N, C-alpha and C. Protein backbone atom coordinates (compact mmCIF):
# COMPACT_ATOMS: atom_id res chain seq x y z
N MET A 1 -16.46 9.02 0.75
CA MET A 1 -15.53 9.87 1.49
C MET A 1 -14.42 9.00 2.07
N LEU A 2 -13.15 9.45 1.89
CA LEU A 2 -12.03 8.69 2.41
C LEU A 2 -12.04 8.72 3.93
N ARG A 3 -11.74 7.57 4.52
CA ARG A 3 -11.76 7.52 5.98
C ARG A 3 -10.75 6.51 6.48
N SER A 4 -10.13 6.81 7.55
CA SER A 4 -9.23 5.87 8.21
C SER A 4 -10.05 4.97 9.10
N LEU A 5 -9.79 3.68 9.05
CA LEU A 5 -10.58 2.71 9.80
C LEU A 5 -9.94 2.30 11.12
N LEU A 6 -8.61 2.22 11.13
CA LEU A 6 -7.90 1.82 12.34
C LEU A 6 -6.63 2.64 12.45
N VAL A 7 -6.09 2.77 13.62
CA VAL A 7 -4.84 3.48 13.78
C VAL A 7 -3.69 2.62 13.33
N ALA A 8 -2.55 3.26 13.13
CA ALA A 8 -1.38 2.55 12.58
C ALA A 8 -0.95 1.39 13.46
N SER A 9 -1.19 1.47 14.75
CA SER A 9 -0.74 0.40 15.64
C SER A 9 -1.40 -0.93 15.33
N ALA A 10 -2.54 -0.90 14.64
CA ALA A 10 -3.21 -2.15 14.26
C ALA A 10 -2.35 -2.95 13.30
N LEU A 11 -1.43 -2.28 12.62
CA LEU A 11 -0.55 -2.99 11.70
C LEU A 11 0.65 -3.59 12.40
N MET A 12 0.96 -3.12 13.59
CA MET A 12 2.19 -3.53 14.25
C MET A 12 1.96 -4.72 15.17
N ILE A 13 1.13 -5.67 14.74
CA ILE A 13 0.89 -6.90 15.50
C ILE A 13 2.15 -7.76 15.42
N ALA A 14 2.39 -8.56 16.43
CA ALA A 14 3.57 -9.42 16.42
C ALA A 14 3.63 -10.23 15.14
N ALA A 15 4.77 -10.18 14.47
CA ALA A 15 4.91 -10.80 13.16
C ALA A 15 4.90 -12.32 13.28
N PRO A 16 4.22 -13.01 12.37
CA PRO A 16 4.20 -14.46 12.39
C PRO A 16 5.50 -15.04 11.86
N ALA A 17 5.59 -16.36 11.91
CA ALA A 17 6.85 -17.01 11.57
C ALA A 17 7.25 -16.75 10.12
N PHE A 18 6.30 -16.52 9.22
CA PHE A 18 6.66 -16.37 7.82
C PHE A 18 7.17 -14.97 7.50
N ALA A 19 7.09 -14.04 8.44
CA ALA A 19 7.60 -12.68 8.23
C ALA A 19 9.02 -12.58 8.75
N THR A 20 9.86 -11.86 8.04
CA THR A 20 11.21 -11.64 8.51
C THR A 20 11.23 -10.43 9.43
N PRO A 21 12.18 -10.35 10.36
CA PRO A 21 12.20 -9.23 11.31
C PRO A 21 12.33 -7.88 10.63
N GLU A 22 12.97 -7.84 9.44
CA GLU A 22 13.21 -6.58 8.76
C GLU A 22 12.00 -6.08 7.99
N ALA A 23 10.99 -6.92 7.80
CA ALA A 23 9.87 -6.56 6.96
C ALA A 23 8.92 -5.60 7.67
N LEU A 24 8.45 -4.60 6.92
CA LEU A 24 7.47 -3.66 7.42
C LEU A 24 6.16 -3.88 6.69
N LEU A 25 5.07 -3.42 7.32
CA LEU A 25 3.76 -3.49 6.69
C LEU A 25 3.27 -2.09 6.35
N PRO A 26 2.51 -1.99 5.23
CA PRO A 26 2.18 -3.07 4.30
C PRO A 26 3.41 -3.54 3.54
N GLY A 27 3.39 -4.82 3.18
CA GLY A 27 4.51 -5.40 2.48
C GLY A 27 4.05 -6.31 1.36
N LEU A 28 5.02 -6.81 0.62
CA LEU A 28 4.73 -7.70 -0.50
C LEU A 28 5.19 -9.11 -0.17
N ALA A 29 4.40 -10.09 -0.58
CA ALA A 29 4.71 -11.49 -0.29
C ALA A 29 4.53 -12.32 -1.54
N ASP A 30 5.20 -13.46 -1.54
CA ASP A 30 5.08 -14.43 -2.64
C ASP A 30 4.45 -15.71 -2.10
N VAL A 31 3.64 -16.35 -2.93
CA VAL A 31 3.05 -17.64 -2.56
C VAL A 31 4.12 -18.72 -2.63
N VAL A 32 4.16 -19.58 -1.61
CA VAL A 32 5.15 -20.66 -1.57
C VAL A 32 4.47 -21.95 -1.11
N ASP A 33 5.08 -23.07 -1.48
CA ASP A 33 4.69 -24.40 -1.00
C ASP A 33 3.26 -24.79 -1.34
N VAL A 34 2.73 -24.24 -2.43
CA VAL A 34 1.42 -24.65 -2.95
C VAL A 34 1.67 -25.48 -4.21
N ALA A 35 1.03 -26.64 -4.29
CA ALA A 35 1.24 -27.53 -5.43
C ALA A 35 0.90 -26.83 -6.74
N ALA A 36 1.60 -27.21 -7.79
CA ALA A 36 1.44 -26.56 -9.09
C ALA A 36 0.02 -26.69 -9.64
N ASN A 37 -0.69 -27.71 -9.22
CA ASN A 37 -2.07 -27.92 -9.70
C ASN A 37 -3.10 -27.44 -8.68
N ASP A 38 -2.68 -26.63 -7.72
CA ASP A 38 -3.58 -26.16 -6.67
C ASP A 38 -3.56 -24.64 -6.61
N THR A 39 -4.38 -24.06 -5.75
CA THR A 39 -4.41 -22.61 -5.53
C THR A 39 -4.49 -22.34 -4.04
N LEU A 40 -4.17 -21.11 -3.67
CA LEU A 40 -4.28 -20.67 -2.28
C LEU A 40 -5.55 -19.85 -2.12
N ASN A 41 -6.43 -20.30 -1.22
CA ASN A 41 -7.71 -19.61 -1.03
C ASN A 41 -7.53 -18.30 -0.26
N VAL A 42 -8.28 -17.30 -0.69
CA VAL A 42 -8.39 -16.03 0.02
C VAL A 42 -9.80 -15.99 0.61
N ARG A 43 -9.90 -15.94 1.94
CA ARG A 43 -11.17 -16.11 2.61
C ARG A 43 -11.70 -14.81 3.23
N ALA A 44 -12.99 -14.79 3.51
CA ALA A 44 -13.63 -13.59 4.04
C ALA A 44 -13.21 -13.31 5.48
N GLU A 45 -12.83 -14.33 6.22
CA GLU A 45 -12.41 -14.20 7.61
C GLU A 45 -11.16 -15.05 7.82
N PRO A 46 -10.39 -14.79 8.88
CA PRO A 46 -9.16 -15.55 9.11
C PRO A 46 -9.39 -16.92 9.74
N ASN A 47 -10.09 -17.77 9.02
CA ASN A 47 -10.25 -19.16 9.45
C ASN A 47 -10.57 -20.02 8.24
N ALA A 48 -10.26 -21.31 8.35
CA ALA A 48 -10.33 -22.21 7.20
C ALA A 48 -11.75 -22.54 6.78
N SER A 49 -12.75 -22.21 7.58
CA SER A 49 -14.13 -22.50 7.22
C SER A 49 -14.87 -21.28 6.64
N ALA A 50 -14.22 -20.13 6.58
CA ALA A 50 -14.86 -18.91 6.07
C ALA A 50 -15.04 -19.00 4.56
N ALA A 51 -15.97 -18.20 4.05
CA ALA A 51 -16.26 -18.19 2.62
C ALA A 51 -15.02 -17.78 1.82
N VAL A 52 -14.88 -18.40 0.65
CA VAL A 52 -13.74 -18.09 -0.23
C VAL A 52 -14.09 -16.89 -1.09
N ARG A 53 -13.26 -15.87 -1.03
CA ARG A 53 -13.46 -14.65 -1.84
C ARG A 53 -12.67 -14.67 -3.13
N GLY A 54 -11.66 -15.49 -3.19
CA GLY A 54 -10.82 -15.56 -4.37
C GLY A 54 -9.71 -16.56 -4.15
N THR A 55 -8.83 -16.68 -5.13
CA THR A 55 -7.71 -17.60 -5.03
C THR A 55 -6.45 -16.94 -5.56
N LEU A 56 -5.31 -17.46 -5.11
CA LEU A 56 -4.02 -17.02 -5.60
C LEU A 56 -3.34 -18.19 -6.30
N ALA A 57 -2.70 -17.91 -7.42
CA ALA A 57 -1.98 -18.95 -8.16
C ALA A 57 -0.80 -19.45 -7.33
N PRO A 58 -0.38 -20.70 -7.56
CA PRO A 58 0.73 -21.26 -6.77
C PRO A 58 2.05 -20.53 -6.97
N ASP A 59 2.16 -19.75 -8.05
CA ASP A 59 3.39 -18.98 -8.29
C ASP A 59 3.14 -17.48 -8.21
N ALA A 60 2.04 -17.05 -7.55
CA ALA A 60 1.72 -15.63 -7.46
C ALA A 60 2.79 -14.89 -6.67
N LYS A 61 3.14 -13.70 -7.14
CA LYS A 61 4.16 -12.90 -6.50
C LYS A 61 3.65 -11.47 -6.29
N GLY A 62 4.27 -10.78 -5.35
CA GLY A 62 3.92 -9.38 -5.12
C GLY A 62 2.53 -9.19 -4.55
N ILE A 63 2.08 -10.10 -3.68
CA ILE A 63 0.78 -9.99 -3.03
C ILE A 63 0.91 -9.02 -1.85
N GLU A 64 0.02 -8.04 -1.78
CA GLU A 64 0.13 -7.04 -0.73
C GLU A 64 -0.52 -7.52 0.57
N ILE A 65 0.27 -7.50 1.64
CA ILE A 65 -0.22 -7.86 2.97
C ILE A 65 -0.29 -6.58 3.81
N ILE A 66 -1.46 -6.34 4.40
CA ILE A 66 -1.63 -5.12 5.19
C ILE A 66 -1.75 -5.40 6.70
N GLY A 67 -1.81 -6.66 7.09
CA GLY A 67 -1.90 -6.97 8.51
C GLY A 67 -1.99 -8.47 8.75
N PHE A 68 -2.04 -8.85 10.02
CA PHE A 68 -2.17 -10.24 10.44
C PHE A 68 -3.30 -10.35 11.47
N ASP A 69 -3.85 -11.53 11.61
CA ASP A 69 -4.84 -11.72 12.67
C ASP A 69 -4.11 -11.85 14.02
N LYS A 70 -4.86 -11.98 15.10
CA LYS A 70 -4.27 -11.99 16.43
C LYS A 70 -3.34 -13.16 16.66
N THR A 71 -3.57 -14.26 15.97
CA THR A 71 -2.72 -15.43 16.15
C THR A 71 -1.45 -15.34 15.32
N GLY A 72 -1.43 -14.48 14.34
CA GLY A 72 -0.30 -14.38 13.44
C GLY A 72 -0.28 -15.46 12.37
N ALA A 73 -1.33 -16.29 12.31
CA ALA A 73 -1.37 -17.39 11.36
C ALA A 73 -1.99 -17.00 10.03
N TRP A 74 -2.73 -15.91 10.01
CA TRP A 74 -3.44 -15.48 8.80
C TRP A 74 -3.00 -14.08 8.41
N ALA A 75 -2.81 -13.89 7.10
CA ALA A 75 -2.39 -12.60 6.57
C ALA A 75 -3.58 -11.93 5.88
N GLU A 76 -3.76 -10.63 6.16
CA GLU A 76 -4.82 -9.87 5.50
C GLU A 76 -4.27 -9.32 4.19
N ILE A 77 -4.93 -9.65 3.10
CA ILE A 77 -4.45 -9.34 1.75
C ILE A 77 -5.34 -8.28 1.13
N SER A 78 -4.71 -7.29 0.50
CA SER A 78 -5.42 -6.23 -0.22
C SER A 78 -5.14 -6.41 -1.70
N ARG A 79 -6.21 -6.65 -2.47
CA ARG A 79 -6.02 -6.86 -3.90
C ARG A 79 -7.33 -6.62 -4.63
N GLY A 80 -7.23 -6.17 -5.89
CA GLY A 80 -8.43 -5.96 -6.70
C GLY A 80 -9.35 -4.96 -6.04
N GLU A 81 -10.61 -5.36 -5.87
CA GLU A 81 -11.62 -4.48 -5.27
C GLU A 81 -12.00 -4.92 -3.86
N THR A 82 -11.21 -5.82 -3.27
CA THR A 82 -11.62 -6.34 -1.98
C THR A 82 -10.40 -6.68 -1.12
N THR A 83 -10.68 -7.08 0.10
CA THR A 83 -9.66 -7.50 1.05
C THR A 83 -10.07 -8.87 1.60
N GLY A 84 -9.11 -9.75 1.82
CA GLY A 84 -9.41 -11.08 2.34
C GLY A 84 -8.24 -11.62 3.14
N TRP A 85 -8.36 -12.89 3.53
CA TRP A 85 -7.38 -13.52 4.42
C TRP A 85 -6.84 -14.80 3.79
N ALA A 86 -5.54 -14.99 3.91
CA ALA A 86 -4.90 -16.21 3.41
C ALA A 86 -3.98 -16.78 4.48
N SER A 87 -3.80 -18.08 4.45
CA SER A 87 -2.95 -18.74 5.44
C SER A 87 -1.50 -18.29 5.28
N GLY A 88 -0.90 -17.81 6.38
CA GLY A 88 0.44 -17.29 6.32
C GLY A 88 1.51 -18.32 6.02
N LYS A 89 1.24 -19.59 6.26
CA LYS A 89 2.28 -20.59 6.04
C LYS A 89 2.56 -20.80 4.56
N PHE A 90 1.69 -20.26 3.70
CA PHE A 90 1.90 -20.36 2.26
C PHE A 90 2.34 -19.03 1.65
N LEU A 91 2.77 -18.10 2.48
CA LEU A 91 3.21 -16.79 2.01
C LEU A 91 4.58 -16.47 2.60
N ARG A 92 5.46 -15.94 1.78
CA ARG A 92 6.77 -15.49 2.26
C ARG A 92 6.85 -13.98 2.09
N LEU A 93 6.89 -13.28 3.20
CA LEU A 93 6.91 -11.82 3.18
C LEU A 93 8.31 -11.32 2.83
N ARG A 94 8.40 -10.46 1.84
CA ARG A 94 9.69 -9.92 1.43
C ARG A 94 10.19 -8.90 2.45
N SER A 95 11.50 -8.75 2.50
CA SER A 95 12.10 -7.80 3.43
C SER A 95 12.64 -6.56 2.71
N ASP A 96 12.47 -6.48 1.39
CA ASP A 96 13.09 -5.39 0.63
C ASP A 96 12.09 -4.37 0.09
N THR A 97 10.82 -4.43 0.52
CA THR A 97 9.83 -3.48 0.01
C THR A 97 10.17 -2.05 0.46
N TRP A 98 10.56 -1.93 1.73
CA TRP A 98 10.87 -0.62 2.29
C TRP A 98 12.37 -0.52 2.55
N LYS A 99 12.98 0.56 2.05
CA LYS A 99 14.39 0.83 2.28
C LYS A 99 14.52 2.23 2.87
N ALA A 100 15.48 2.40 3.75
CA ALA A 100 15.65 3.67 4.44
C ALA A 100 15.80 4.82 3.45
N GLY A 101 15.00 5.87 3.67
CA GLY A 101 15.11 7.07 2.84
C GLY A 101 14.62 6.90 1.42
N GLU A 102 13.87 5.82 1.14
CA GLU A 102 13.37 5.59 -0.21
C GLU A 102 11.88 5.29 -0.19
N LEU A 103 11.26 5.45 -1.36
CA LEU A 103 9.88 5.02 -1.57
C LEU A 103 9.89 3.67 -2.27
N PRO A 104 8.94 2.78 -1.95
CA PRO A 104 8.83 1.56 -2.75
C PRO A 104 8.62 1.90 -4.22
N ALA A 105 9.26 1.15 -5.09
CA ALA A 105 9.19 1.45 -6.53
C ALA A 105 7.78 1.31 -7.09
N THR A 106 6.92 0.58 -6.37
CA THR A 106 5.57 0.32 -6.88
C THR A 106 4.49 1.11 -6.15
N VAL A 107 4.85 2.07 -5.30
CA VAL A 107 3.83 2.75 -4.51
C VAL A 107 2.95 3.63 -5.40
N SER A 108 1.64 3.56 -5.14
CA SER A 108 0.65 4.39 -5.82
C SER A 108 -0.36 4.87 -4.79
N CYS A 109 -0.77 6.13 -4.90
CA CYS A 109 -1.76 6.70 -4.00
C CYS A 109 -2.96 7.19 -4.79
N TYR A 110 -4.14 7.12 -4.17
CA TYR A 110 -5.39 7.42 -4.86
C TYR A 110 -6.30 8.24 -3.96
N GLY A 111 -7.17 9.00 -4.59
CA GLY A 111 -8.15 9.75 -3.82
C GLY A 111 -9.43 9.92 -4.61
N THR A 112 -10.51 10.18 -3.89
CA THR A 112 -11.80 10.46 -4.50
C THR A 112 -12.31 11.80 -3.98
N GLU A 113 -13.28 12.35 -4.73
CA GLU A 113 -13.89 13.63 -4.33
C GLU A 113 -12.84 14.70 -4.08
N PRO A 114 -12.03 15.11 -5.02
CA PRO A 114 -12.00 14.67 -6.42
C PRO A 114 -11.11 13.44 -6.62
N PHE A 115 -11.24 12.82 -7.81
CA PHE A 115 -10.39 11.69 -8.14
C PHE A 115 -8.99 12.19 -8.52
N TRP A 116 -7.98 11.50 -8.01
CA TRP A 116 -6.60 11.84 -8.35
C TRP A 116 -5.72 10.62 -8.12
N ASN A 117 -4.51 10.67 -8.65
CA ASN A 117 -3.56 9.57 -8.52
C ASN A 117 -2.15 10.12 -8.46
N LEU A 118 -1.36 9.61 -7.54
CA LEU A 118 0.06 9.96 -7.43
C LEU A 118 0.83 8.66 -7.36
N LYS A 119 1.75 8.45 -8.28
CA LYS A 119 2.45 7.17 -8.30
C LYS A 119 3.94 7.35 -8.58
N ARG A 120 4.70 6.38 -8.10
CA ARG A 120 6.13 6.32 -8.36
C ARG A 120 6.34 5.83 -9.78
N THR A 121 7.29 6.41 -10.49
CA THR A 121 7.68 5.97 -11.82
C THR A 121 9.20 5.83 -11.86
N PRO A 122 9.74 5.15 -12.86
CA PRO A 122 11.20 5.05 -12.95
C PRO A 122 11.88 6.42 -13.05
N GLU A 123 11.17 7.40 -13.60
CA GLU A 123 11.74 8.73 -13.79
C GLU A 123 11.52 9.65 -12.59
N GLY A 124 10.61 9.32 -11.69
CA GLY A 124 10.31 10.18 -10.55
C GLY A 124 8.93 9.90 -10.00
N MET A 125 8.01 10.85 -10.16
CA MET A 125 6.63 10.71 -9.73
C MET A 125 5.71 11.18 -10.86
N GLU A 126 4.45 10.77 -10.77
CA GLU A 126 3.45 11.24 -11.74
C GLU A 126 2.15 11.53 -11.00
N PHE A 127 1.60 12.72 -11.23
CA PHE A 127 0.32 13.09 -10.63
C PHE A 127 -0.69 13.27 -11.75
N SER A 128 -1.90 12.71 -11.55
CA SER A 128 -2.91 12.81 -12.60
C SER A 128 -4.30 12.94 -12.01
N THR A 129 -5.18 13.53 -12.80
CA THR A 129 -6.61 13.61 -12.51
C THR A 129 -7.35 13.25 -13.79
N PRO A 130 -8.65 12.93 -13.71
CA PRO A 130 -9.38 12.54 -14.92
C PRO A 130 -9.49 13.64 -15.96
N ASP A 131 -9.36 14.90 -15.55
CA ASP A 131 -9.62 16.00 -16.48
C ASP A 131 -8.36 16.72 -16.94
N GLY A 132 -7.21 16.10 -16.81
CA GLY A 132 -5.99 16.76 -17.25
C GLY A 132 -4.92 15.77 -17.63
N ALA A 133 -3.91 16.25 -18.35
CA ALA A 133 -2.78 15.40 -18.72
C ALA A 133 -1.94 15.09 -17.49
N PRO A 134 -1.37 13.90 -17.39
CA PRO A 134 -0.51 13.56 -16.24
C PRO A 134 0.67 14.52 -16.12
N ARG A 135 0.99 14.87 -14.90
CA ARG A 135 2.16 15.70 -14.63
C ARG A 135 3.35 14.81 -14.31
N LYS A 136 4.41 14.92 -15.09
CA LYS A 136 5.64 14.19 -14.83
C LYS A 136 6.46 15.02 -13.86
N LEU A 137 6.73 14.46 -12.68
CA LEU A 137 7.36 15.21 -11.61
C LEU A 137 8.77 14.71 -11.30
N GLU A 138 9.65 15.62 -11.03
CA GLU A 138 10.97 15.28 -10.51
C GLU A 138 10.83 14.96 -9.03
N LEU A 139 11.33 13.81 -8.61
CA LEU A 139 11.31 13.46 -7.19
C LEU A 139 12.53 14.11 -6.54
N ARG A 140 12.30 15.17 -5.78
CA ARG A 140 13.39 15.98 -5.26
C ARG A 140 13.92 15.49 -3.92
N ARG A 141 13.05 14.91 -3.12
CA ARG A 141 13.52 14.45 -1.81
C ARG A 141 12.54 13.44 -1.23
N VAL A 142 13.07 12.42 -0.55
CA VAL A 142 12.29 11.45 0.22
C VAL A 142 12.86 11.44 1.63
N MET A 143 11.99 11.51 2.61
CA MET A 143 12.42 11.53 4.01
C MET A 143 11.72 10.44 4.80
N ASP A 144 12.42 9.91 5.81
CA ASP A 144 11.79 9.02 6.78
C ASP A 144 12.08 9.59 8.17
N ARG A 145 11.63 8.88 9.19
CA ARG A 145 11.80 9.39 10.56
C ARG A 145 13.00 8.77 11.27
N GLY A 146 13.80 8.05 10.52
CA GLY A 146 15.01 7.47 11.09
C GLY A 146 14.76 6.26 11.96
N LEU A 147 13.57 5.66 11.85
CA LEU A 147 13.21 4.49 12.65
C LEU A 147 13.09 3.28 11.73
N SER A 148 13.86 2.24 11.99
CA SER A 148 13.89 1.09 11.10
C SER A 148 12.56 0.35 11.04
N GLU A 149 11.74 0.49 12.09
CA GLU A 149 10.47 -0.24 12.14
C GLU A 149 9.30 0.60 11.64
N ASP A 150 9.58 1.75 11.04
CA ASP A 150 8.52 2.69 10.65
C ASP A 150 8.54 2.92 9.15
N ALA A 151 7.40 2.70 8.48
CA ALA A 151 7.29 2.89 7.04
C ALA A 151 6.81 4.29 6.65
N THR A 152 6.67 5.20 7.60
CA THR A 152 6.24 6.56 7.27
C THR A 152 7.28 7.22 6.35
N ARG A 153 6.77 7.85 5.29
CA ARG A 153 7.64 8.55 4.35
C ARG A 153 7.02 9.90 3.99
N ALA A 154 7.89 10.88 3.73
CA ALA A 154 7.46 12.16 3.18
C ALA A 154 8.23 12.39 1.89
N LEU A 155 7.60 13.04 0.94
CA LEU A 155 8.27 13.29 -0.33
C LEU A 155 7.98 14.71 -0.81
N ILE A 156 8.94 15.23 -1.55
CA ILE A 156 8.77 16.50 -2.24
C ILE A 156 9.09 16.26 -3.70
N ALA A 157 8.15 16.60 -4.57
CA ALA A 157 8.33 16.46 -6.02
C ALA A 157 7.83 17.73 -6.69
N GLY A 158 8.18 17.91 -7.95
CA GLY A 158 7.72 19.12 -8.60
C GLY A 158 8.02 19.15 -10.09
N ASP A 159 7.45 20.15 -10.74
CA ASP A 159 7.70 20.43 -12.14
C ASP A 159 7.60 21.94 -12.34
N GLY A 160 7.52 22.38 -13.59
CA GLY A 160 7.45 23.80 -13.85
C GLY A 160 6.18 24.44 -13.35
N ALA A 161 5.14 23.65 -13.11
CA ALA A 161 3.85 24.20 -12.65
C ALA A 161 3.77 24.33 -11.14
N GLY A 162 4.71 23.74 -10.42
CA GLY A 162 4.66 23.85 -8.97
C GLY A 162 5.19 22.62 -8.26
N ARG A 163 4.83 22.51 -7.00
CA ARG A 163 5.38 21.48 -6.12
C ARG A 163 4.27 20.57 -5.60
N VAL A 164 4.62 19.29 -5.42
CA VAL A 164 3.73 18.31 -4.80
C VAL A 164 4.45 17.75 -3.58
N THR A 165 3.82 17.88 -2.43
CA THR A 165 4.38 17.37 -1.18
C THR A 165 3.41 16.33 -0.62
N ALA A 166 3.92 15.23 -0.13
CA ALA A 166 3.04 14.18 0.40
C ALA A 166 3.66 13.54 1.63
N VAL A 167 2.82 13.16 2.57
CA VAL A 167 3.21 12.33 3.71
C VAL A 167 2.41 11.04 3.63
N ILE A 168 3.11 9.92 3.62
CA ILE A 168 2.51 8.59 3.53
C ILE A 168 2.80 7.86 4.83
N GLN A 169 1.76 7.30 5.47
CA GLN A 169 1.99 6.65 6.75
C GLN A 169 1.19 5.36 6.87
N PRO A 170 1.71 4.39 7.65
CA PRO A 170 0.99 3.13 7.85
C PRO A 170 -0.30 3.37 8.62
N GLU A 171 -1.41 3.03 8.00
CA GLU A 171 -2.72 3.21 8.61
C GLU A 171 -3.74 2.53 7.71
N ILE A 172 -4.62 1.73 8.29
CA ILE A 172 -5.65 1.10 7.48
C ILE A 172 -6.59 2.18 6.95
N CYS A 173 -6.82 2.16 5.65
CA CYS A 173 -7.50 3.25 4.96
C CYS A 173 -8.50 2.67 3.97
N SER A 174 -9.64 3.33 3.80
CA SER A 174 -10.66 2.94 2.84
C SER A 174 -10.83 4.03 1.80
N ASP A 175 -10.98 3.63 0.54
CA ASP A 175 -11.19 4.62 -0.51
C ASP A 175 -12.65 5.03 -0.64
N GLY A 176 -13.53 4.39 0.10
CA GLY A 176 -14.94 4.74 0.06
C GLY A 176 -15.66 4.31 -1.20
N MET A 177 -14.96 3.62 -2.10
CA MET A 177 -15.54 3.24 -3.39
C MET A 177 -15.61 1.73 -3.58
N SER A 178 -14.95 0.96 -2.71
CA SER A 178 -14.89 -0.48 -2.87
C SER A 178 -14.83 -1.13 -1.50
N ASP A 179 -14.76 -2.47 -1.47
CA ASP A 179 -14.63 -3.20 -0.22
C ASP A 179 -13.16 -3.43 0.15
N ARG A 180 -12.26 -2.83 -0.58
CA ARG A 180 -10.84 -3.03 -0.35
C ARG A 180 -10.33 -2.09 0.74
N SER A 181 -9.48 -2.61 1.61
CA SER A 181 -8.77 -1.79 2.57
C SER A 181 -7.33 -1.64 2.12
N PHE A 182 -6.74 -0.50 2.40
CA PHE A 182 -5.35 -0.22 2.06
C PHE A 182 -4.54 -0.12 3.35
N GLY A 183 -3.24 -0.34 3.24
CA GLY A 183 -2.38 -0.31 4.41
C GLY A 183 -1.69 1.01 4.65
N LEU A 184 -1.93 2.00 3.78
CA LEU A 184 -1.30 3.30 3.90
C LEU A 184 -2.31 4.40 3.64
N SER A 185 -2.20 5.49 4.39
CA SER A 185 -2.97 6.69 4.10
C SER A 185 -2.01 7.80 3.73
N THR A 186 -2.51 8.85 3.09
CA THR A 186 -1.64 9.94 2.68
C THR A 186 -2.36 11.27 2.70
N ILE A 187 -1.60 12.32 2.91
CA ILE A 187 -2.03 13.70 2.71
C ILE A 187 -1.11 14.28 1.64
N VAL A 188 -1.70 14.87 0.60
CA VAL A 188 -0.95 15.44 -0.52
C VAL A 188 -1.27 16.93 -0.61
N ILE A 189 -0.25 17.74 -0.74
CA ILE A 189 -0.43 19.19 -0.89
C ILE A 189 0.11 19.62 -2.24
N LEU A 190 -0.75 20.28 -3.03
CA LEU A 190 -0.37 20.84 -4.32
C LEU A 190 -0.16 22.34 -4.14
N ASP A 191 0.97 22.83 -4.61
CA ASP A 191 1.31 24.24 -4.43
C ASP A 191 1.93 24.76 -5.71
N GLY A 192 1.23 25.68 -6.38
CA GLY A 192 1.73 26.22 -7.64
C GLY A 192 1.57 27.72 -7.71
N ALA A 193 2.47 28.37 -8.45
CA ALA A 193 2.42 29.82 -8.55
C ALA A 193 1.19 30.30 -9.30
N ASN A 194 0.70 29.51 -10.25
CA ASN A 194 -0.41 29.95 -11.10
C ASN A 194 -1.71 29.23 -10.82
N SER A 195 -1.78 28.51 -9.70
CA SER A 195 -3.00 27.80 -9.35
C SER A 195 -3.15 27.79 -7.84
N PRO A 196 -4.39 27.69 -7.34
CA PRO A 196 -4.58 27.69 -5.89
C PRO A 196 -3.97 26.45 -5.23
N SER A 197 -3.45 26.63 -4.04
CA SER A 197 -2.94 25.49 -3.29
C SER A 197 -4.10 24.60 -2.87
N ARG A 198 -3.84 23.28 -2.83
CA ARG A 198 -4.89 22.32 -2.49
C ARG A 198 -4.31 21.25 -1.58
N MET A 199 -5.14 20.73 -0.69
CA MET A 199 -4.76 19.59 0.14
C MET A 199 -5.71 18.44 -0.16
N LEU A 200 -5.15 17.28 -0.47
CA LEU A 200 -5.92 16.10 -0.81
C LEU A 200 -5.60 14.99 0.18
N SER A 201 -6.55 14.09 0.39
CA SER A 201 -6.31 12.92 1.25
C SER A 201 -6.64 11.67 0.46
N GLY A 202 -5.98 10.58 0.80
CA GLY A 202 -6.22 9.35 0.05
C GLY A 202 -5.57 8.14 0.69
N CYS A 203 -5.55 7.05 -0.05
CA CYS A 203 -4.98 5.77 0.37
C CYS A 203 -3.88 5.37 -0.61
N CYS A 204 -2.95 4.55 -0.12
CA CYS A 204 -1.83 4.12 -0.97
C CYS A 204 -1.67 2.61 -0.92
N SER A 205 -1.06 2.09 -1.99
CA SER A 205 -0.77 0.66 -2.10
C SER A 205 0.68 0.50 -2.53
N VAL A 206 1.30 -0.62 -2.14
CA VAL A 206 2.65 -0.92 -2.61
C VAL A 206 2.65 -2.07 -3.62
N ALA A 207 1.46 -2.53 -4.02
CA ALA A 207 1.35 -3.61 -4.99
C ALA A 207 1.53 -3.08 -6.41
N GLN A 208 2.14 -3.89 -7.26
CA GLN A 208 2.33 -3.53 -8.67
C GLN A 208 0.97 -3.43 -9.34
N ARG A 209 0.77 -2.37 -10.13
CA ARG A 209 -0.47 -2.20 -10.87
C ARG A 209 -0.19 -2.14 -12.36
């Protein structure tokens, strides 16, 4: 069952030195200053003695950061099937993931019970479930709250079968299927003339898939 783990304010911790003032969370970062023959460790806890859960290549790009520890020295990374911590001094957080009145080009949202997926595409949006063909949707409108420090977005999309409306907001979210935490939660409403209206809940990522 999908569940929110922390309120959105948990993401608004004071940004560390490697984050730019314009950057919002969740955001994308690139690995920097790691030797070509080395890797950046992703650890179970935000300290250098914690168990290593994985590694990042010295040229890794588009790593999703969903938060920082209290010191601002460690970044919480969401990737694959898990979440871990990497030293912030080797990550450069991008400032262009979120733009006013727009959705990140790589945003994807997921849900379970039932399984579904809503993702941004170059042509608009796409909604899919395991038991049907993907719906190619026209992205009709994207809205924000007019606050530069807020990544909350609402969207309206649709096709001949009906309308898809979604609100995406910064909030630590679990899909209930893995050990991974996400930095965005969403509510999606499906409304069609020939099918019952439905409300779905899920988690979203801004990482390229």
